[in-house]
């Protein structure tokens, strides 16, 4: 608290606040008003200290949760790898002849186990990214060839879902240096969401244009499926959060974008 003489123009109050004072009480002072202001500032200090302590404890709990998640996810890889090996041996007939029905069921189980192993790899990679412990493999990427490769890899899935794919790569789209594997993962997530959260026959559009702001490239993955309501725009960028599908209206919207 800063106190001083009481000039008529209030200069002391302004100087006190600019100097970092929490409050200013000029002379002559009123004892009850002064006491009330002191009590208010003390209460504010106690509340601020309590908030800081709560934030520190919250950060500690988040660290414990993240460490536990990393440990569990890492430990899941070993038994899952064994499951995959057993399924592969069964499909190869190492345990005896396999009927067509058994082969179909075992193949489906193997595919789901592969998906789970990929999810575990994604979670571990997220942890490495957050710790800045991931090494980027930067290579030259031609936008046209890259998008064509993406479309080719998803061609069968597009046919299964009855989806239509539209591509527009600008002629002046520059060659970029990026981690191709990670960039493909971004596209895979956006395309997967477009196919999963829409009815059959969805139209997916992939654009690649020069970003005049950065001189790089702007990739866009858009679809005509259900959009994401504004109230979920912040939620979907949190880890392990997702919008409730039944609350997403059937309106057009974009799948997402990425700059390179």
Protein backbone atom coordinates (compact mmCIF):
# COMPACT_ATOMS: atom_id res chain seq x y z
CA UNK A 1 0.00 0.00 0.00
CA UNK A 2 1.25 3.44 -0.88
CA UNK A 3 0.20 6.52 1.04
CA UNK A 4 1.03 10.17 0.46
CA UNK A 5 -0.19 13.72 0.45
CA UNK A 6 -3.45 14.47 -1.25
CA UNK A 7 -2.92 16.82 -4.17
CA UNK A 8 -6.09 18.06 -5.78
CA UNK A 9 -5.28 16.61 -9.21
CA UNK A 10 -4.90 13.05 -7.90
CA UNK A 11 -1.29 12.76 -9.11
CA UNK A 12 -0.31 10.74 -6.05
CA UNK A 13 -2.87 8.06 -6.82
CA UNK A 14 -1.66 7.72 -10.38
CA UNK A 15 2.00 7.57 -9.32
CA UNK A 16 1.21 5.00 -6.63
CA UNK A 17 -0.51 2.65 -9.07
CA UNK A 18 2.21 3.11 -11.68
CA UNK A 19 4.83 2.29 -9.04
CA UNK A 20 3.17 -1.06 -8.41
CA UNK A 21 1.01 -0.22 -5.42
CA UNK A 22 -2.09 -2.34 -4.85
CA UNK A 23 -4.00 0.59 -3.41
CA UNK A 24 -3.55 4.24 -2.47
CA UNK A 25 -4.99 6.11 0.48
CA UNK A 26 -4.24 9.82 0.74
CA UNK A 27 -4.05 12.04 3.78
CA UNK A 28 -5.99 12.94 5.76
CA UNK A 29 -7.16 9.34 6.06
CA UNK A 30 -10.21 7.79 7.60
CA UNK A 31 -9.27 5.01 10.03
CA UNK A 32 -12.22 2.75 9.24
CA UNK A 33 -11.74 3.12 5.50
CA UNK A 34 -8.03 2.42 5.87
CA UNK A 35 -8.72 -0.70 7.96
CA UNK A 36 -11.29 -1.95 5.47
CA UNK A 37 -8.85 -1.52 2.57
CA UNK A 38 -6.09 -3.35 4.46
CA UNK A 39 -8.44 -6.25 5.28
CA UNK A 40 -9.53 -6.40 1.63
CA UNK A 41 -5.93 -6.55 0.40
CA UNK A 42 -5.04 -9.24 2.95
CA UNK A 43 -8.02 -11.31 1.83
CA UNK A 44 -6.99 -10.87 -1.79
CA UNK A 45 -3.44 -11.98 -0.94
CA UNK A 46 -4.73 -15.10 0.84
CA UNK A 47 -6.99 -15.94 -2.09
CA UNK A 48 -4.12 -15.46 -4.56
CA UNK A 49 -1.81 -17.70 -2.51
CA UNK A 50 -4.52 -20.37 -2.31
CA UNK A 51 -5.03 -20.21 -6.07
CA UNK A 52 -1.30 -20.53 -6.72
CA UNK A 53 -1.14 -23.53 -4.40
CA UNK A 54 -4.11 -25.18 -6.13
CA UNK A 55 -2.51 -24.61 -9.54
CA UNK A 56 0.78 -26.15 -8.35
CA UNK A 57 -1.03 -29.21 -6.99
CA UNK A 58 -3.00 -29.53 -10.24
CA UNK A 59 0.21 -29.49 -12.27
CA UNK A 60 1.68 -32.18 -10.02
CA UNK A 61 -1.41 -34.35 -10.48
CA UNK A 62 -1.27 -33.87 -14.25
CA UNK A 63 2.35 -34.99 -14.26
CA UNK A 64 1.51 -38.10 -12.24
CA UNK A 65 -1.34 -38.88 -14.63
CA UNK A 66 0.84 -38.40 -17.72
CA UNK A 67 3.64 -40.52 -16.26
CA UNK A 68 1.15 -43.28 -15.40
CA UNK A 69 -0.32 -43.14 -18.89
CA UNK A 70 3.11 -43.43 -20.49
CA UNK A 71 3.99 -46.40 -18.30
CA UNK A 72 0.75 -48.25 -19.01
CA UNK A 73 0.87 -47.57 -22.75
CA UNK A 74 4.49 -48.66 -22.99
CA UNK A 75 3.81 -51.87 -21.03
CA UNK A 76 0.87 -52.73 -23.29
CA UNK A 77 3.13 -53.16 -26.31
CA UNK A 78 4.76 -56.39 -25.13
CA UNK A 79 1.62 -58.52 -24.59
CA UNK A 80 -0.03 -57.08 -27.69
CA UNK A 81 2.98 -57.99 -29.81
CA UNK A 82 2.70 -61.55 -28.50
CA UNK A 83 -0.99 -61.63 -29.41
CA UNK A 84 -0.20 -60.48 -32.94
CA UNK A 85 2.50 -63.12 -33.31
CA UNK A 86 0.09 -65.87 -32.19
CA UNK A 87 -2.61 -64.68 -34.59
CA UNK A 88 -0.13 -64.59 -37.47
CA UNK A 89 1.02 -68.15 -36.69
CA UNK A 90 -2.59 -69.33 -36.57
CA UNK A 91 -3.34 -67.71 -39.93
CA UNK A 92 -0.24 -69.34 -41.43
CA UNK A 93 -1.56 -72.77 -40.35
CA UNK A 94 1.19 -73.45 -37.81
CA UNK A 95 -1.40 -74.90 -35.41
CA UNK A 96 -3.34 -76.85 -38.01
CA UNK A 97 -5.67 -76.28 -40.93
CA UNK A 98 -7.80 -73.14 -40.78
CA UNK A 99 -11.26 -72.93 -42.32
CA UNK A 100 -12.35 -69.93 -44.34
CA UNK A 101 -14.60 -68.73 -41.51
CA UNK A 102 -11.81 -69.11 -38.97
CA UNK A 103 -9.41 -67.31 -41.29
CA UNK A 104 -11.83 -64.41 -41.64
CA UNK A 105 -12.31 -64.12 -37.88
CA UNK A 106 -8.59 -64.41 -37.16
CA UNK A 107 -7.82 -61.86 -39.87
CA UNK A 108 -10.30 -59.42 -38.36
CA UNK A 109 -8.77 -59.93 -34.90
CA UNK A 110 -5.29 -59.36 -36.32
CA UNK A 111 -6.41 -56.14 -38.05
CA UNK A 112 -7.95 -54.82 -34.82
CA UNK A 113 -4.80 -55.73 -32.89
CA UNK A 114 -2.71 -53.87 -35.48
CA UNK A 115 -4.97 -50.84 -35.06
CA UNK A 116 -4.50 -51.01 -31.29
CA UNK A 117 -0.73 -51.27 -31.70
CA UNK A 118 -0.82 -48.23 -33.96
CA UNK A 119 -2.84 -46.33 -31.34
CA UNK A 120 -0.25 -47.19 -28.70
CA UNK A 121 2.46 -45.91 -31.02
CA UNK A 122 0.49 -42.68 -31.50
CA UNK A 123 0.18 -42.13 -27.75
CA UNK A 124 3.89 -42.71 -27.21
CA UNK A 125 4.68 -40.36 -30.08
CA UNK A 126 2.45 -37.65 -28.57
CA UNK A 127 4.39 -38.01 -25.32
CA UNK A 128 7.70 -37.64 -27.17
CA UNK A 129 6.43 -34.56 -29.03
CA UNK A 130 5.32 -32.92 -25.78
CA UNK A 131 8.76 -33.59 -24.29
CA UNK A 132 10.49 -32.27 -27.43
CA UNK A 133 12.14 -35.67 -27.68
CA UNK A 134 11.13 -36.48 -31.25
CA UNK A 135 13.57 -36.16 -34.14
CA UNK A 136 12.04 -34.83 -37.34
CA UNK A 137 13.07 -36.47 -40.60
CA UNK A 138 12.85 -33.49 -42.95
CA UNK A 139 12.79 -34.34 -46.64
CA UNK A 140 11.73 -32.41 -49.78
CA UNK A 141 8.05 -33.00 -50.54
CA UNK A 142 6.37 -32.07 -53.82
CA UNK A 143 2.72 -31.25 -52.98
CA UNK A 144 1.23 -32.80 -56.12
CA UNK A 145 3.05 -36.11 -55.75
CA UNK A 146 2.37 -36.18 -52.01
CA UNK A 147 -1.39 -35.66 -52.38
CA UNK A 148 -1.52 -38.26 -55.16
CA UNK A 149 0.20 -40.73 -52.85
CA UNK A 150 -2.32 -40.00 -50.08
CA UNK A 151 -5.26 -40.58 -52.45
CA UNK A 152 -3.72 -43.84 -53.72
CA UNK A 153 -3.24 -45.19 -50.20
CA UNK A 154 -6.86 -44.42 -49.30
CA UNK A 155 -8.36 -45.52 -52.62
CA UNK A 156 -9.71 -48.86 -51.35
CA UNK A 157 -11.21 -47.26 -48.25
CA UNK A 158 -12.87 -44.56 -50.35
CA UNK A 159 -14.45 -47.26 -52.52
CA UNK A 160 -15.67 -49.20 -49.48
CA UNK A 161 -17.30 -46.10 -48.01
CA UNK A 162 -18.71 -44.90 -51.32
CA UNK A 163 -16.80 -41.64 -50.83
CA UNK A 164 -15.86 -39.19 -53.55
CA UNK A 165 -12.46 -37.52 -53.51
CA UNK A 166 -11.63 -34.18 -55.14
CA UNK A 167 -8.09 -32.84 -55.44
CA UNK A 168 -6.89 -29.35 -56.30
CA UNK A 169 -3.14 -28.67 -56.19
CA UNK A 170 -2.10 -25.22 -57.34
CA UNK A 171 0.61 -25.02 -59.97
CA UNK A 172 2.62 -22.58 -57.84
CA UNK A 173 2.45 -24.79 -54.73
CA UNK A 174 6.11 -24.88 -53.59
CA UNK A 175 8.19 -27.87 -52.61
CA UNK A 176 8.44 -28.00 -48.83
CA UNK A 177 10.73 -29.70 -46.32
CA UNK A 178 8.74 -31.70 -43.78
CA UNK A 179 8.55 -35.01 -41.95
CA UNK A 180 6.58 -37.08 -44.44
CA UNK A 181 5.50 -39.69 -41.90
CA UNK A 182 4.07 -37.13 -39.49
CA UNK A 183 2.42 -35.18 -42.29
CA UNK A 184 0.76 -38.35 -43.54
CA UNK A 185 -0.54 -38.99 -40.05
CA UNK A 186 -2.22 -35.58 -40.00
CA UNK A 187 -3.96 -36.36 -43.29
CA UNK A 188 -4.89 -39.85 -42.10
CA UNK A 189 -6.58 -38.46 -38.98
CA UNK A 190 -8.55 -35.86 -40.93
CA UNK A 191 -9.64 -38.31 -43.64
CA UNK A 192 -10.52 -40.96 -41.08
CA UNK A 193 -12.71 -38.47 -39.21
CA UNK A 194 -14.42 -37.47 -42.46
CA UNK A 195 -15.26 -41.09 -43.27
CA UNK A 196 -16.19 -42.11 -39.74
CA UNK A 197 -18.47 -39.27 -38.73
CA UNK A 198 -20.52 -38.95 -41.91
CA UNK A 199 -23.02 -41.03 -43.81
CA UNK A 200 -21.89 -42.98 -46.87
CA UNK A 201 -21.19 -41.01 -50.00
CA UNK A 202 -19.27 -38.23 -48.29
CA UNK A 203 -17.30 -35.88 -50.51
CA UNK A 204 -13.72 -35.23 -49.38
CA UNK A 205 -11.71 -32.39 -50.88
CA UNK A 206 -7.94 -32.02 -50.58
CA UNK A 207 -6.43 -28.68 -51.50
CA UNK A 208 -2.81 -27.54 -51.70
CA UNK A 209 -2.10 -23.86 -52.32
CA UNK A 210 0.79 -21.51 -51.72
CA UNK A 211 0.51 -19.65 -48.43
CA UNK A 212 1.18 -16.03 -49.35
CA UNK A 213 1.72 -15.15 -45.68
CA UNK A 214 4.57 -17.55 -44.96
CA UNK A 215 5.73 -18.48 -48.45
CA UNK A 216 5.07 -22.12 -47.57
CA UNK A 217 2.05 -24.22 -48.46
CA UNK A 218 -1.47 -24.48 -47.09
CA UNK A 219 -3.04 -27.94 -47.14
CA UNK A 220 -6.78 -28.23 -46.60
CA UNK A 221 -8.86 -31.34 -45.98
CA UNK A 222 -12.57 -30.57 -46.15
CA UNK A 223 -15.76 -32.62 -46.35
CA UNK A 224 -19.49 -32.03 -46.71
CA UNK A 225 -20.31 -34.05 -43.60
CA UNK A 226 -21.44 -32.82 -40.17
CA UNK A 227 -19.59 -29.78 -38.92
CA UNK A 228 -18.29 -29.15 -35.42
CA UNK A 229 -20.39 -26.74 -33.33
CA UNK A 230 -18.55 -23.67 -32.01
CA UNK A 231 -18.85 -24.87 -28.41
CA UNK A 232 -16.63 -27.85 -29.25
CA UNK A 233 -13.93 -25.95 -31.13
CA UNK A 234 -11.74 -25.67 -28.05
CA UNK A 235 -12.55 -29.12 -26.68
CA UNK A 236 -11.36 -31.07 -29.71
CA UNK A 237 -7.81 -29.72 -29.33
CA UNK A 238 -7.49 -31.14 -25.83
CA UNK A 239 -5.89 -34.53 -25.31
CA UNK A 240 -8.36 -37.44 -25.14
CA UNK A 241 -11.34 -35.13 -25.67
CA UNK A 242 -13.97 -35.45 -28.37
CA UNK A 243 -17.31 -33.92 -29.26
CA UNK A 244 -20.44 -35.96 -28.69
CA UNK A 245 -21.44 -37.21 -32.09
CA UNK A 246 -25.19 -37.18 -31.44
CA UNK A 247 -25.02 -33.45 -30.72
CA UNK A 248 -23.24 -32.59 -33.98
CA UNK A 249 -25.76 -31.17 -36.46
CA UNK A 250 -25.84 -32.36 -40.06
CA UNK A 251 -24.38 -29.28 -41.67
CA UNK A 252 -21.44 -28.77 -43.98
CA UNK A 253 -18.03 -28.16 -42.46
CA UNK A 254 -14.34 -28.51 -43.00
CA UNK A 255 -12.25 -31.37 -41.73
CA UNK A 256 -9.24 -29.27 -40.89
CA UNK A 257 -6.12 -27.69 -42.28
CA UNK A 258 -2.36 -27.79 -41.87
CA UNK A 259 0.36 -25.37 -42.89
CA UNK A 260 3.76 -26.39 -44.14
